[in-house]
Every structure is written in C-alpha cells, then in structure tokens.
Amino acid sequence: MSKIDTQGMGAPMTPEQLKEWKAKGNVAQPHKPALVTPRRCHTPQIAKELKILINEVLDEREYKRRMAGPYDDVKPLPPSYFDTKHFQYRVGEEEPPYEDWRQPDFQVGLDPEYKPEYYQ
C-alpha cells in the first residue's frame, strides 16, 4: 500500500472489497451531534453576587420610595451583603447569615377594607 486514507483511517479498497465489506454488515456509523456546554464570562459565585447586588439596588430604591411616601410601617434595611465588616467571622465559625432585603409582608397601596369584587 502506498497511502493511507487519513479521513476514513483505512487503506484504499477496490470496489469488490468495498462490496464484500458492506455485505458483512459493516456500514459507516452515523455520529451524534456533539453536546456543547456554553461558556460564561462569570463564575457561578460571581453570578450569585451580581444577582444579590441587583436585588439590593432595587430594594433600596423601593425603600427610599416608601420613606418618602405616606407609609408608617417601613422596616429599616438590614446590612448589605457587600458590607464585609458586618459579615466578619473567625476561622472555624460559620459566616453570619445574610438577611434578604425584601419585605414580603408589606403590600403597597392595599387597604384591608378594599374588596375588588365589589367594584366589578
């Protein structure tokens, strides 16, 4: 043999050899498409911190609106996740828990006496 087929990784075949090879049940295997995992610019830890930062900014904006508005029961905001002095801890201890800034029990503009079905 004077050459090797590097694409098929086999020696050249005559048409008779190819017919005999296919008769044995040898056919080219169809390949499945490759599985591609997308790459991200940020690590999962940075993405988590970015989400916390964005939510804190939005919650702080809502807090400022409440403080400027006619609300009587505005709860003060807890320390920011990025206030590293508040979250200091010694080796061997757990990091202090982060308290979310959302105020889920607070409903904007809804009076307890408001009954939407009455107005329909």
PDB file of N, CA and C in Angstrom:
ATOM      1  N   MET A   1       0.835  -1.175   0.000  1.00  0.00           N
ATOM      2  CA  MET A   1       0.000   0.000   0.000  1.00  0.00           C
ATOM      3  C   MET A   1       0.878   1.236   0.000  1.00  0.00           C
ATOM      4  N   SER A   2       0.542   2.133  -0.864  1.00  0.00           N
ATOM      5  CA  SER A   2       1.358   3.322  -0.977  1.00  0.00           C
ATOM      6  C   SER A   2       0.807   4.488  -0.175  1.00  0.00           C
ATOM      7  N   LYS A   3      -0.458   4.420   0.227  1.00  0.00           N
ATOM      8  CA  LYS A   3      -1.015   5.531   1.008  1.00  0.00           C
ATOM      9  C   LYS A   3      -2.064   5.009   1.984  1.00  0.00           C
ATOM     10  N   ILE A   4      -2.343   5.841   3.000  1.00  0.00           N
ATOM     11  CA  ILE A   4      -3.385   5.529   3.970  1.00  0.00           C
ATOM     12  C   ILE A   4      -4.394   6.662   3.923  1.00  0.00           C
ATOM     13  N   ASP A   5      -5.656   6.306   3.918  1.00  0.00           N
ATOM     14  CA  ASP A   5      -6.737   7.293   3.910  1.00  0.00           C
ATOM     15  C   ASP A   5      -6.900   7.819   5.335  1.00  0.00           C
ATOM     16  N   THR A   6      -6.417   9.038   5.594  1.00  0.00           N
ATOM     17  CA  THR A   6      -6.479   9.576   6.966  1.00  0.00           C
ATOM     18  C   THR A   6      -7.881  10.022   7.353  1.00  0.00           C
ATOM     19  N   GLN A   7      -8.755  10.264   6.401  1.00  0.00           N
ATOM     20  CA  GLN A   7     -10.123  10.664   6.733  1.00  0.00           C
ATOM     21  C   GLN A   7     -10.923   9.460   7.224  1.00  0.00           C
ATOM     22  N   GLY A   8     -10.803   8.361   6.530  1.00  0.00           N
ATOM     23  CA  GLY A   8     -11.533   7.160   6.906  1.00  0.00           C
ATOM     24  C   GLY A   8     -10.692   6.209   7.727  1.00  0.00           C
ATOM     25  N   MET A   9      -9.424   6.530   7.857  1.00  0.00           N
ATOM     26  CA  MET A   9      -8.448   5.719   8.602  1.00  0.00           C
ATOM     27  C   MET A   9      -8.442   4.264   8.119  1.00  0.00           C
ATOM     28  N   GLY A  10      -8.512   4.102   6.843  1.00  0.00           N
ATOM     29  CA  GLY A  10      -8.437   2.758   6.272  1.00  0.00           C
ATOM     30  C   GLY A  10      -7.645   2.795   4.979  1.00  0.00           C
ATOM     31  N   ALA A  11      -7.196   1.631   4.586  1.00  0.00           N
ATOM     32  CA  ALA A  11      -6.455   1.532   3.333  1.00  0.00           C
ATOM     33  C   ALA A  11      -7.430   1.659   2.166  1.00  0.00           C
ATOM     34  N   PRO A  12      -6.944   2.063   0.994  1.00  0.00           N
ATOM     35  CA  PRO A  12      -7.857   2.152  -0.152  1.00  0.00           C
ATOM     36  C   PRO A  12      -8.418   0.773  -0.506  1.00  0.00           C
ATOM     37  N   MET A  13      -9.691   0.739  -0.913  1.00  0.00           N
ATOM     38  CA  MET A  13     -10.354  -0.521  -1.246  1.00  0.00           C
ATOM     39  C   MET A  13     -10.759  -0.506  -2.711  1.00  0.00           C
ATOM     40  N   THR A  14     -10.737  -1.676  -3.238  1.00  0.00           N
ATOM     41  CA  THR A  14     -11.261  -1.820  -4.588  1.00  0.00           C
ATOM     42  C   THR A  14     -12.780  -1.909  -4.483  1.00  0.00           C
ATOM     43  N   PRO A  15     -13.505  -1.696  -5.564  1.00  0.00           N
ATOM     44  CA  PRO A  15     -14.963  -1.805  -5.486  1.00  0.00           C
ATOM     45  C   PRO A  15     -15.432  -3.177  -5.011  1.00  0.00           C
ATOM     46  N   GLU A  16     -14.709  -4.249  -5.349  1.00  0.00           N
ATOM     47  CA  GLU A  16     -15.094  -5.590  -4.896  1.00  0.00           C
ATOM     48  C   GLU A  16     -14.907  -5.719  -3.386  1.00  0.00           C
ATOM     49  N   GLN A  17     -13.781  -5.177  -2.879  1.00  0.00           N
ATOM     50  CA  GLN A  17     -13.533  -5.237  -1.426  1.00  0.00           C
ATOM     51  C   GLN A  17     -14.579  -4.418  -0.666  1.00  0.00           C
ATOM     52  N   LEU A  18     -14.954  -3.297  -1.233  1.00  0.00           N
ATOM     53  CA  LEU A  18     -15.961  -2.451  -0.585  1.00  0.00           C
ATOM     54  C   LEU A  18     -17.301  -3.172  -0.536  1.00  0.00           C
ATOM     55  N   LYS A  19     -17.684  -3.864  -1.619  1.00  0.00           N
ATOM     56  CA  LYS A  19     -18.948  -4.606  -1.667  1.00  0.00           C
ATOM     57  C   LYS A  19     -18.920  -5.738  -0.640  1.00  0.00           C
ATOM     58  N   GLU A  20     -17.790  -6.416  -0.527  1.00  0.00           N
ATOM     59  CA  GLU A  20     -17.638  -7.502   0.437  1.00  0.00           C
ATOM     60  C   GLU A  20     -17.694  -6.967   1.875  1.00  0.00           C
ATOM     61  N   TRP A  21     -17.069  -5.855   2.087  1.00  0.00           N
ATOM     62  CA  TRP A  21     -17.057  -5.229   3.425  1.00  0.00           C
ATOM     63  C   TRP A  21     -18.467  -4.840   3.855  1.00  0.00           C
ATOM     64  N   LYS A  22     -19.263  -4.240   2.947  1.00  0.00           N
ATOM     65  CA  LYS A  22     -20.642  -3.856   3.252  1.00  0.00           C
ATOM     66  C   LYS A  22     -21.536  -5.068   3.422  1.00  0.00           C
ATOM     67  N   ALA A  23     -21.244  -6.164   2.711  1.00  0.00           N
ATOM     68  CA  ALA A  23     -22.038  -7.385   2.825  1.00  0.00           C
ATOM     69  C   ALA A  23     -21.918  -8.001   4.210  1.00  0.00           C
ATOM     70  N   LYS A  24     -20.793  -7.788   4.869  1.00  0.00           N
ATOM     71  CA  LYS A  24     -20.598  -8.302   6.230  1.00  0.00           C
ATOM     72  C   LYS A  24     -21.394  -7.513   7.261  1.00  0.00           C
ATOM     73  N   GLY A  25     -22.022  -6.425   6.844  1.00  0.00           N
ATOM     74  CA  GLY A  25     -22.801  -5.617   7.784  1.00  0.00           C
ATOM     75  C   GLY A  25     -22.048  -4.419   8.296  1.00  0.00           C
ATOM     76  N   ASN A  26     -20.879  -4.188   7.776  1.00  0.00           N
ATOM     77  CA  ASN A  26     -20.095  -3.031   8.190  1.00  0.00           C
ATOM     78  C   ASN A  26     -20.542  -1.810   7.394  1.00  0.00           C
ATOM     79  N   VAL A  27     -21.148  -0.889   8.059  1.00  0.00           N
ATOM     80  CA  VAL A  27     -21.533   0.367   7.411  1.00  0.00           C
ATOM     81  C   VAL A  27     -21.011   1.508   8.269  1.00  0.00           C
ATOM     82  N   ALA A  28     -20.884   2.625   7.659  1.00  0.00           N
ATOM     83  CA  ALA A  28     -20.378   3.783   8.397  1.00  0.00           C
ATOM     84  C   ALA A  28     -21.364   4.166   9.505  1.00  0.00           C
ATOM     85  N   GLN A  29     -20.849   4.385  10.681  1.00  0.00           N
ATOM     86  CA  GLN A  29     -21.679   4.754  11.829  1.00  0.00           C
ATOM     87  C   GLN A  29     -22.039   6.236  11.754  1.00  0.00           C
ATOM     88  N   PRO A  30     -23.318   6.564  11.831  1.00  0.00           N
ATOM     89  CA  PRO A  30     -23.660   7.993  11.884  1.00  0.00           C
ATOM     90  C   PRO A  30     -23.293   8.548  13.264  1.00  0.00           C
ATOM     91  N   HIS A  31     -22.682   9.689  13.278  1.00  0.00           N
ATOM     92  CA  HIS A  31     -22.268  10.286  14.546  1.00  0.00           C
ATOM     93  C   HIS A  31     -23.362  11.189  15.088  1.00  0.00           C
ATOM     94  N   LYS A  32     -23.550  11.141  16.389  1.00  0.00           N
ATOM     95  CA  LYS A  32     -24.500  12.037  17.041  1.00  0.00           C
ATOM     96  C   LYS A  32     -23.878  13.434  17.078  1.00  0.00           C
ATOM     97  N   PRO A  33     -24.697  14.464  17.035  1.00  0.00           N
ATOM     98  CA  PRO A  33     -24.146  15.818  17.161  1.00  0.00           C
ATOM     99  C   PRO A  33     -23.470  15.989  18.523  1.00  0.00           C
ATOM    100  N   ALA A  34     -22.416  16.750  18.539  1.00  0.00           N
ATOM    101  CA  ALA A  34     -21.670  16.974  19.780  1.00  0.00           C
ATOM    102  C   ALA A  34     -22.517  17.777  20.761  1.00  0.00           C
ATOM    103  N   LEU A  35     -22.344  17.505  22.034  1.00  0.00           N
ATOM    104  CA  LEU A  35     -23.020  18.241  23.087  1.00  0.00           C
ATOM    105  C   LEU A  35     -22.139  19.428  23.467  1.00  0.00           C
ATOM    106  N   VAL A  36     -22.671  20.627  23.318  1.00  0.00           N
ATOM    107  CA  VAL A  36     -21.899  21.839  23.580  1.00  0.00           C
ATOM    108  C   VAL A  36     -22.400  22.475  24.867  1.00  0.00           C
ATOM    109  N   THR A  37     -21.503  22.668  25.809  1.00  0.00           N
ATOM    110  CA  THR A  37     -21.832  23.372  27.042  1.00  0.00           C
ATOM    111  C   THR A  37     -21.371  24.815  26.884  1.00  0.00           C
ATOM    112  N   PRO A  38     -22.305  25.771  26.991  1.00  0.00           N
ATOM    113  CA  PRO A  38     -21.899  27.164  26.786  1.00  0.00           C
ATOM    114  C   PRO A  38     -20.961  27.640  27.889  1.00  0.00           C
ATOM    115  N   ARG A  39     -20.034  28.497  27.522  1.00  0.00           N
ATOM    116  CA  ARG A  39     -19.107  29.078  28.492  1.00  0.00           C
ATOM    117  C   ARG A  39     -19.617  30.439  28.892  1.00  0.00           C
ATOM    118  N   ARG A  40     -19.479  30.769  30.133  1.00  0.00           N
ATOM    119  CA  ARG A  40     -19.944  32.043  30.648  1.00  0.00           C
ATOM    120  C   ARG A  40     -18.748  32.891  31.080  1.00  0.00           C
ATOM    121  N   CYS A  41     -18.935  34.206  31.020  1.00  0.00           N
ATOM    122  CA  CYS A  41     -17.870  35.123  31.440  1.00  0.00           C
ATOM    123  C   CYS A  41     -17.684  35.082  32.952  1.00  0.00           C
ATOM    124  N   HIS A  42     -18.790  34.867  33.661  1.00  0.00           N
ATOM    125  CA  HIS A  42     -18.743  34.925  35.124  1.00  0.00           C
ATOM    126  C   HIS A  42     -18.861  33.527  35.717  1.00  0.00           C
ATOM    127  N   THR A  43     -18.163  33.324  36.819  1.00  0.00           N
ATOM    128  CA  THR A  43     -18.283  32.066  37.543  1.00  0.00           C
ATOM    129  C   THR A  43     -19.639  32.039  38.241  1.00  0.00           C
ATOM    130  N   PRO A  44     -20.115  30.870  38.663  1.00  0.00           N
ATOM    131  CA  PRO A  44     -21.395  30.816  39.375  1.00  0.00           C
ATOM    132  C   PRO A  44     -21.409  31.691  40.634  1.00  0.00           C
ATOM    133  N   GLN A  45     -20.280  31.798  41.320  1.00  0.00           N
ATOM    134  CA  GLN A  45     -20.218  32.618  42.530  1.00  0.00           C
ATOM    135  C   GLN A  45     -20.378  34.106  42.188  1.00  0.00           C
ATOM    136  N   ILE A  46     -19.729  34.569  41.120  1.00  0.00           N
ATOM    137  CA  ILE A  46     -19.867  35.964  40.711  1.00  0.00           C
ATOM    138  C   ILE A  46     -21.295  36.237  40.255  1.00  0.00           C
ATOM    139  N   ALA A  47     -21.901  35.280  39.532  1.00  0.00           N
ATOM    140  CA  ALA A  47     -23.288  35.457  39.084  1.00  0.00           C
ATOM    141  C   ALA A  47     -24.233  35.581  40.281  1.00  0.00           C
ATOM    142  N   LYS A  48     -23.993  34.791  41.317  1.00  0.00           N
ATOM    143  CA  LYS A  48     -24.826  34.864  42.529  1.00  0.00           C
ATOM    144  C   LYS A  48     -24.671  36.238  43.186  1.00  0.00           C
ATOM    145  N   GLU A  49     -23.438  36.717  43.291  1.00  0.00           N
ATOM    146  CA  GLU A  49     -23.212  38.025  43.902  1.00  0.00           C
ATOM    147  C   GLU A  49     -23.816  39.148  43.065  1.00  0.00           C
ATOM    148  N   LEU A  50     -23.769  39.027  41.740  1.00  0.00           N
ATOM    149  CA  LEU A  50     -24.386  40.042  40.888  1.00  0.00           C
ATOM    150  C   LEU A  50     -25.899  40.082  41.090  1.00  0.00           C
ATOM    151  N   LYS A  51     -26.524  38.911  41.216  1.00  0.00           N
ATOM    152  CA  LYS A  51     -27.970  38.871  41.476  1.00  0.00           C
ATOM    153  C   LYS A  51     -28.295  39.539  42.808  1.00  0.00           C
ATOM    154  N   ILE A  52     -27.504  39.252  43.826  1.00  0.00           N
ATOM    155  CA  ILE A  52     -27.730  39.872  45.137  1.00  0.00           C
ATOM    156  C   ILE A  52     -27.571  41.379  45.028  1.00  0.00           C
ATOM    157  N   LEU A  53     -26.537  41.824  44.327  1.00  0.00           N
ATOM    158  CA  LEU A  53     -26.293  43.257  44.174  1.00  0.00           C
ATOM    159  C   LEU A  53     -27.455  43.940  43.453  1.00  0.00           C
ATOM    160  N   ILE A  54     -27.924  43.365  42.360  1.00  0.00           N
ATOM    161  CA  ILE A  54     -29.035  43.965  41.608  1.00  0.00           C
ATOM    162  C   ILE A  54     -30.291  44.023  42.466  1.00  0.00           C
ATOM    163  N   ASN A  55     -30.585  42.944  43.185  1.00  0.00           N
ATOM    164  CA  ASN A  55     -31.781  42.938  44.035  1.00  0.00           C
ATOM    165  C   ASN A  55     -31.664  43.944  45.172  1.00  0.00           C
ATOM    166  N   GLU A  56     -30.462  44.103  45.743  1.00  0.00           N
ATOM    167  CA  GLU A  56     -30.293  45.094  46.799  1.00  0.00           C
ATOM    168  C   GLU A  56     -30.508  46.510  46.274  1.00  0.00           C
ATOM    169  N   VAL A  57     -30.023  46.785  45.083  1.00  0.00           N
ATOM    170  CA  VAL A  57     -30.211  48.111  44.497  1.00  0.00           C
ATOM    171  C   VAL A  57     -31.701  48.385  44.281  1.00  0.00           C
ATOM    172  N   LEU A  58     -32.416  47.406  43.734  1.00  0.00           N
ATOM    173  CA  LEU A  58     -33.856  47.588  43.511  1.00  0.00           C
ATOM    174  C   LEU A  58     -34.621  47.714  44.824  1.00  0.00           C
ATOM    175  N   ASP A  59     -34.246  46.920  45.838  1.00  0.00           N
ATOM    176  CA  ASP A  59     -34.911  47.001  47.137  1.00  0.00           C
ATOM    177  C   ASP A  59     -34.609  48.325  47.827  1.00  0.00           C
ATOM    178  N   GLU A  60     -33.383  48.826  47.672  1.00  0.00           N
ATOM    179  CA  GLU A  60     -33.031  50.118  48.261  1.00  0.00           C
ATOM    180  C   GLU A  60     -33.839  51.234  47.607  1.00  0.00           C
ATOM    181  N   ARG A  61     -34.033  51.149  46.312  1.00  0.00           N
ATOM    182  CA  ARG A  61     -34.845  52.149  45.612  1.00  0.00           C
ATOM    183  C   ARG A  61     -36.292  52.112  46.121  1.00  0.00           C
ATOM    184  N   GLU A  62     -36.831  50.922  46.304  1.00  0.00           N
ATOM    185  CA  GLU A  62     -38.189  50.796  46.835  1.00  0.00           C
ATOM    186  C   GLU A  62     -38.260  51.323  48.262  1.00  0.00           C
ATOM    187  N   TYR A  63     -37.223  51.072  49.051  1.00  0.00           N
ATOM    188  CA  TYR A  63     -37.175  51.566  50.433  1.00  0.00           C
ATOM    189  C   TYR A  63     -37.200  53.094  50.460  1.00  0.00           C
ATOM    190  N   LYS A  64     -36.433  53.718  49.565  1.00  0.00           N
ATOM    191  CA  LYS A  64     -36.411  55.184  49.514  1.00  0.00           C
ATOM    192  C   LYS A  64     -37.775  55.739  49.117  1.00  0.00           C
ATOM    193  N   ARG A  65     -38.475  55.052  48.210  1.00  0.00           N
ATOM    194  CA  ARG A  65     -39.837  55.486  47.848  1.00  0.00           C
ATOM    195  C   ARG A  65     -40.775  55.405  49.035  1.00  0.00           C
ATOM    196  N   ARG A  66     -40.652  54.338  49.797  1.00  0.00           N
ATOM    197  CA  ARG A  66     -41.520  54.171  50.966  1.00  0.00           C
ATOM    198  C   ARG A  66     -41.229  55.230  52.028  1.00  0.00           C
ATOM    199  N   MET A  67     -39.929  55.527  52.202  1.00  0.00           N
ATOM    200  CA  MET A  67     -39.572  56.532  53.198  1.00  0.00           C
ATOM    201  C   MET A  67     -40.085  57.911  52.790  1.00  0.00           C
ATOM    202  N   ALA A  68     -40.122  58.201  51.502  1.00  0.00           N
ATOM    203  CA  ALA A  68     -40.606  59.489  51.024  1.00  0.00           C
ATOM    204  C   ALA A  68     -42.129  59.525  50.952  1.00  0.00           C
ATOM    205  N   GLY A  69     -42.762  58.371  50.920  1.00  0.00           N
ATOM    206  CA  GLY A  69     -44.213  58.304  50.767  1.00  0.00           C
ATOM    207  C   GLY A  69     -44.947  58.278  52.101  1.00  0.00           C
ATOM    208  N   PRO A  70     -46.242  58.038  52.046  1.00  0.00           N
ATOM    209  CA  PRO A  70     -47.079  58.077  53.249  1.00  0.00           C
ATOM    210  C   PRO A  70     -47.144  56.740  53.988  1.00  0.00           C
ATOM    211  N   TYR A  71     -46.037  56.032  54.099  1.00  0.00           N
ATOM    212  CA  TYR A  71     -46.046  54.725  54.762  1.00  0.00           C
ATOM    213  C   TYR A  71     -45.584  54.884  56.208  1.00  0.00           C
ATOM    214  N   ASP A  72     -46.273  54.206  57.125  1.00  0.00           N
ATOM    215  CA  ASP A  72     -45.954  54.326  58.551  1.00  0.00           C
ATOM    216  C   ASP A  72     -45.119  53.163  59.068  1.00  0.00           C
ATOM    217  N   ASP A  73     -45.197  52.037  58.440  1.00  0.00           N
ATOM    218  CA  ASP A  73     -44.554  50.835  58.988  1.00  0.00           C
ATOM    219  C   ASP A  73     -43.388  50.339  58.125  1.00  0.00           C
ATOM    220  N   VAL A  74     -42.491  51.241  57.752  1.00  0.00           N
ATOM    221  CA  VAL A  74     -41.339  50.849  56.932  1.00  0.00           C
ATOM    222  C   VAL A  74     -40.258  50.289  57.840  1.00  0.00           C
ATOM    223  N   LYS A  75     -39.897  49.039  57.591  1.00  0.00           N
ATOM    224  CA  LYS A  75     -38.874  48.359  58.379  1.00  0.00           C
ATOM    225  C   LYS A  75     -37.497  48.799  57.877  1.00  0.00           C
ATOM    226  N   PRO A  76     -36.545  49.117  58.768  1.00  0.00           N
ATOM    227  CA  PRO A  76     -35.205  49.520  58.301  1.00  0.00           C
ATOM    228  C   PRO A  76     -34.518  48.364  57.573  1.00  0.00           C
ATOM    229  N   LEU A  77     -33.659  48.723  56.624  1.00  0.00           N
ATOM    230  CA  LEU A  77     -32.970  47.712  55.837  1.00  0.00           C
ATOM    231  C   LEU A  77     -31.859  47.043  56.651  1.00  0.00           C
ATOM    232  N   PRO A  78     -31.676  45.729  56.486  1.00  0.00           N
ATOM    233  CA  PRO A  78     -30.567  45.044  57.166  1.00  0.00           C
ATOM    234  C   PRO A  78     -29.242  45.392  56.491  1.00  0.00           C
ATOM    235  N   PRO A  79     -28.110  44.951  57.052  1.00  0.00           N
ATOM    236  CA  PRO A  79     -26.810  45.244  56.435  1.00  0.00           C
ATOM    237  C   PRO A  79     -26.718  44.648  55.033  1.00  0.00           C
ATOM    238  N   SER A  80     -25.997  45.353  54.179  1.00  0.00           N
ATOM    239  CA  SER A  80     -25.802  44.896  52.802  1.00  0.00           C
ATOM    240  C   SER A  80     -24.915  43.652  52.784  1.00  0.00           C
ATOM    241  N   TYR A  81     -25.118  42.812  51.789  1.00  0.00           N
ATOM    242  CA  TYR A  81     -24.290  41.624  51.594  1.00  0.00           C
ATOM    243  C   TYR A  81     -22.840  42.025  51.356  1.00  0.00           C
ATOM    244  N   PHE A  82     -22.637  43.203  50.818  1.00  0.00           N
ATOM    245  CA  PHE A  82     -21.296  43.670  50.484  1.00  0.00           C
ATOM    246  C   PHE A  82     -20.655  44.471  51.612  1.00  0.00           C
ATOM    247  N   ASP A  83     -21.330  44.581  52.758  1.00  0.00           N
ATOM    248  CA  ASP A  83     -20.755  45.210  53.942  1.00  0.00           C
ATOM    249  C   ASP A  83     -19.924  44.133  54.640  1.00  0.00           C
ATOM    250  N   THR A  84     -18.690  43.989  54.216  1.00  0.00           N
ATOM    251  CA  THR A  84     -17.876  42.863  54.680  1.00  0.00           C
ATOM    252  C   THR A  84     -17.542  42.938  56.163  1.00  0.00           C
ATOM    253  N   LYS A  85     -17.496  44.139  56.732  1.00  0.00           N
ATOM    254  CA  LYS A  85     -17.188  44.249  58.169  1.00  0.00           C
ATOM    255  C   LYS A  85     -18.290  43.612  59.007  1.00  0.00           C
ATOM    256  N   HIS A  86     -19.542  43.699  58.536  1.00  0.00           N
ATOM    257  CA  HIS A  86     -20.651  43.096  59.284  1.00  0.00           C
ATOM    258  C   HIS A  86     -20.596  41.570  59.236  1.00  0.00           C
ATOM    259  N   PHE A  87     -20.050  41.018  58.172  1.00  0.00           N
ATOM    260  CA  PHE A  87     -20.045  39.571  58.000  1.00  0.00           C
ATOM    261  C   PHE A  87     -18.708  38.928  58.370  1.00  0.00           C
ATOM    262  N   GLN A  88     -17.878  39.607  59.154  1.00  0.00           N
ATOM    263  CA  GLN A  88     -16.610  39.016  59.590  1.00  0.00           C
ATOM    264  C   GLN A  88     -16.887  37.882  60.569  1.00  0.00           C
ATOM    265  N   TYR A  89     -16.051  36.855  60.510  1.00  0.00           N
ATOM    266  CA  TYR A  89     -16.168  35.736  61.441  1.00  0.00           C
ATOM    267  C   TYR A  89     -14.816  35.078  61.604  1.00  0.00           C
ATOM    268  N   ARG A  90     -14.637  34.335  62.671  1.00  0.00           N
ATOM    269  CA  ARG A  90     -13.369  33.676  62.965  1.00  0.00           C
ATOM    270  C   ARG A  90     -13.299  32.320  62.258  1.00  0.00           C
ATOM    271  N   VAL A  91     -12.086  31.854  62.042  1.00  0.00           N
ATOM    272  CA  VAL A  91     -11.876  30.550  61.418  1.00  0.00           C
ATOM    273  C   VAL A  91     -12.500  29.481  62.304  1.00  0.00           C
ATOM    274  N   GLY A  92     -13.238  28.573  61.686  1.00  0.00           N
ATOM    275  CA  GLY A  92     -13.906  27.509  62.437  1.00  0.00           C
ATOM    276  C   GLY A  92     -15.341  27.854  62.772  1.00  0.00           C
ATOM    277  N   GLU A  93     -15.737  29.110  62.613  1.00  0.00           N
ATOM    278  CA  GLU A  93     -17.124  29.512  62.865  1.00  0.00           C
ATOM    279  C   GLU A  93     -17.855  29.633  61.534  1.00  0.00           C
ATOM    280  N   GLU A  94     -19.173  29.697  61.608  1.00  0.00           N
ATOM    281  CA  GLU A  94     -19.986  29.896  60.409  1.00  0.00           C
ATOM    282  C   GLU A  94     -20.085  31.383  60.101  1.00  0.00           C
ATOM    283  N   GLU A  95     -20.214  31.696  58.819  1.00  0.00           N
ATOM    284  CA  GLU A  95     -20.425  33.091  58.412  1.00  0.00           C
ATOM    285  C   GLU A  95     -21.807  33.538  58.872  1.00  0.00           C
ATOM    286  N   PRO A  96     -21.940  34.767  59.380  1.00  0.00           N
ATOM    287  CA  PRO A  96     -23.260  35.234  59.802  1.00  0.00           C
ATOM    288  C   PRO A  96     -24.244  35.177  58.632  1.00  0.00           C
ATOM    289  N   PRO A  97     -25.498  34.833  58.920  1.00  0.00           N
ATOM    290  CA  PRO A  97     -26.468  34.695  57.822  1.00  0.00           C
ATOM    291  C   PRO A  97     -26.802  36.043  57.187  1.00  0.00           C
ATOM    292  N   TYR A  98     -27.062  36.004  55.898  1.00  0.00           N
ATOM    293  CA  TYR A  98     -27.461  37.195  55.150  1.00  0.00           C
ATOM    294  C   TYR A  98     -28.976  37.292  55.193  1.00  0.00           C
ATOM    295  N   GLU A  99     -29.478  38.430  55.634  1.00  0.00           N
ATOM    296  CA  GLU A  99     -30.922  38.648  55.673  1.00  0.00           C
ATOM    297  C   GLU A  99     -31.337  39.373  54.395  1.00  0.00           C
ATOM    298  N   ASP A 100     -32.283  38.779  53.688  1.00  0.00           N
ATOM    299  CA  ASP A 100     -32.753  39.350  52.438  1.00  0.00           C
ATOM    300  C   ASP A 100     -33.423  40.698  52.703  1.00  0.00           C
ATOM    301  N   TRP A 101     -33.300  41.619  51.756  1.00  0.00           N
ATOM    302  CA  TRP A 101     -33.834  42.967  51.928  1.00  0.00           C
ATOM    303  C   TRP A 101     -35.314  43.064  51.618  1.00  0.00           C
ATOM    304  N   ARG A 102     -35.878  42.062  50.997  1.00  0.00           N
ATOM    305  CA  ARG A 102     -37.291  42.138  50.630  1.00  0.00           C
ATOM    306  C   ARG A 102     -38.161  42.218  51.876  1.00  0.00           C
ATOM    307  N   GLN A 103     -39.283  42.883  51.750  1.00  0.00           N
ATOM    308  CA  GLN A 103     -40.250  42.976  52.833  1.00  0.00           C
ATOM    309  C   GLN A 103     -41.549  42.352  52.328  1.00  0.00           C
ATOM    310  N   PRO A 104     -41.648  41.006  52.385  1.00  0.00           N
ATOM    311  CA  PRO A 104     -42.775  40.330  51.764  1.00  0.00           C
ATOM    312  C   PRO A 104     -44.121  40.641  52.422  1.00  0.00           C
ATOM    313  N   ASP A 105     -44.121  40.970  53.716  1.00  0.00           N
ATOM    314  CA  ASP A 105     -45.386  41.245  54.389  1.00  0.00           C
ATOM    315  C   ASP A 105     -45.926  42.641  54.062  1.00  0.00           C
ATOM    316  N   PHE A 106     -45.139  43.452  53.390  1.00  0.00           N
ATOM    317  CA  PHE A 106     -45.536  44.813  53.051  1.00  0.00           C
ATOM    318  C   PHE A 106     -46.245  44.818  51.710  1.00  0.00           C
ATOM    319  N   GLN A 107     -47.471  45.343  51.680  1.00  0.00           N
ATOM    320  CA  GLN A 107     -48.230  45.438  50.439  1.00  0.00           C
ATOM    321  C   GLN A 107     -48.468  46.895  50.139  1.00  0.00           C
ATOM    322  N   VAL A 108     -48.053  47.299  48.964  1.00  0.00           N
ATOM    323  CA  VAL A 108     -48.144  48.700  48.582  1.00  0.00           C
ATOM    324  C   VAL A 108     -49.578  49.044  48.200  1.00  0.00           C
ATOM    325  N   GLY A 109     -50.134  50.048  48.859  1.00  0.00           N
ATOM    326  CA  GLY A 109     -51.400  50.643  48.456  1.00  0.00           C
ATOM    327  C   GLY A 109     -52.642  49.812  48.648  1.00  0.00           C
ATOM    328  N   LEU A 110     -52.592  48.682  49.316  1.00  0.00           N
ATOM    329  CA  LEU A 110     -53.796  47.881  49.506  1.00  0.00           C
ATOM    330  C   LEU A 110     -54.355  48.108  50.901  1.00  0.00           C
ATOM    331  N   ASP A 111     -55.569  48.564  50.945  1.00  0.00           N
ATOM    332  CA  ASP A 111     -56.270  48.797  52.185  1.00  0.00           C
ATOM    333  C   ASP A 111     -56.938  47.483  52.597  1.00  0.00           C
ATOM    334  N   PRO A 112     -56.925  47.117  53.883  1.00  0.00           N
ATOM    335  CA  PRO A 112     -57.575  45.865  54.290  1.00  0.00           C
ATOM    336  C   PRO A 112     -59.077  45.865  53.966  1.00  0.00           C
ATOM    337  N   GLU A 113     -59.674  47.044  53.861  1.00  0.00           N
ATOM    338  CA  GLU A 113     -61.100  47.141  53.563  1.00  0.00           C
ATOM    339  C   GLU A 113     -61.392  47.072  52.060  1.00  0.00           C
ATOM    340  N   TYR A 114     -60.352  47.060  51.234  1.00  0.00           N
ATOM    341  CA  TYR A 114     -60.532  47.056  49.769  1.00  0.00           C
ATOM    342  C   TYR A 114     -61.041  45.695  49.311  1.00  0.00           C
ATOM    343  N   LYS A 115     -62.152  45.686  48.575  1.00  0.00           N
ATOM    344  CA  LYS A 115     -62.728  44.458  48.065  1.00  0.00           C
ATOM    345  C   LYS A 115     -62.895  44.601  46.556  1.00  0.00           C
ATOM    346  N   PRO A 116     -61.977  44.039  45.769  1.00  0.00           N
ATOM    347  CA  PRO A 116     -62.033  44.231  44.324  1.00  0.00           C
ATOM    348  C   PRO A 116     -63.299  43.706  43.665  1.00  0.00           C
ATOM    349  N   GLU A 117     -63.893  42.638  44.217  1.00  0.00           N
ATOM    350  CA  GLU A 117     -65.088  42.088  43.594  1.00  0.00           C
ATOM    351  C   GLU A 117     -66.279  43.027  43.704  1.00  0.00           C
ATOM    352  N   TYR A 118     -66.261  43.942  44.685  1.00  0.00           N
ATOM    353  CA  TYR A 118     -67.337  44.913  44.868  1.00  0.00           C
ATOM    354  C   TYR A 118     -67.406  45.892  43.695  1.00  0.00           C
ATOM    355  N   TYR A 119     -66.232  46.211  43.107  1.00  0.00           N
ATOM    356  CA  TYR A 119     -66.176  47.242  42.065  1.00  0.00           C
ATOM    357  C   TYR A 119     -66.394  46.683  40.666  1.00  0.00           C
ATOM    358  N   GLN A 120     -66.630  45.414  40.534  1.00  0.00           N
ATOM    359  CA  GLN A 120     -66.797  44.846  39.195  1.00  0.00           C
ATOM    360  C   GLN A 120     -68.236  44.796  38.761  1.00  0.00           C
TER     361      GLN A 120
END
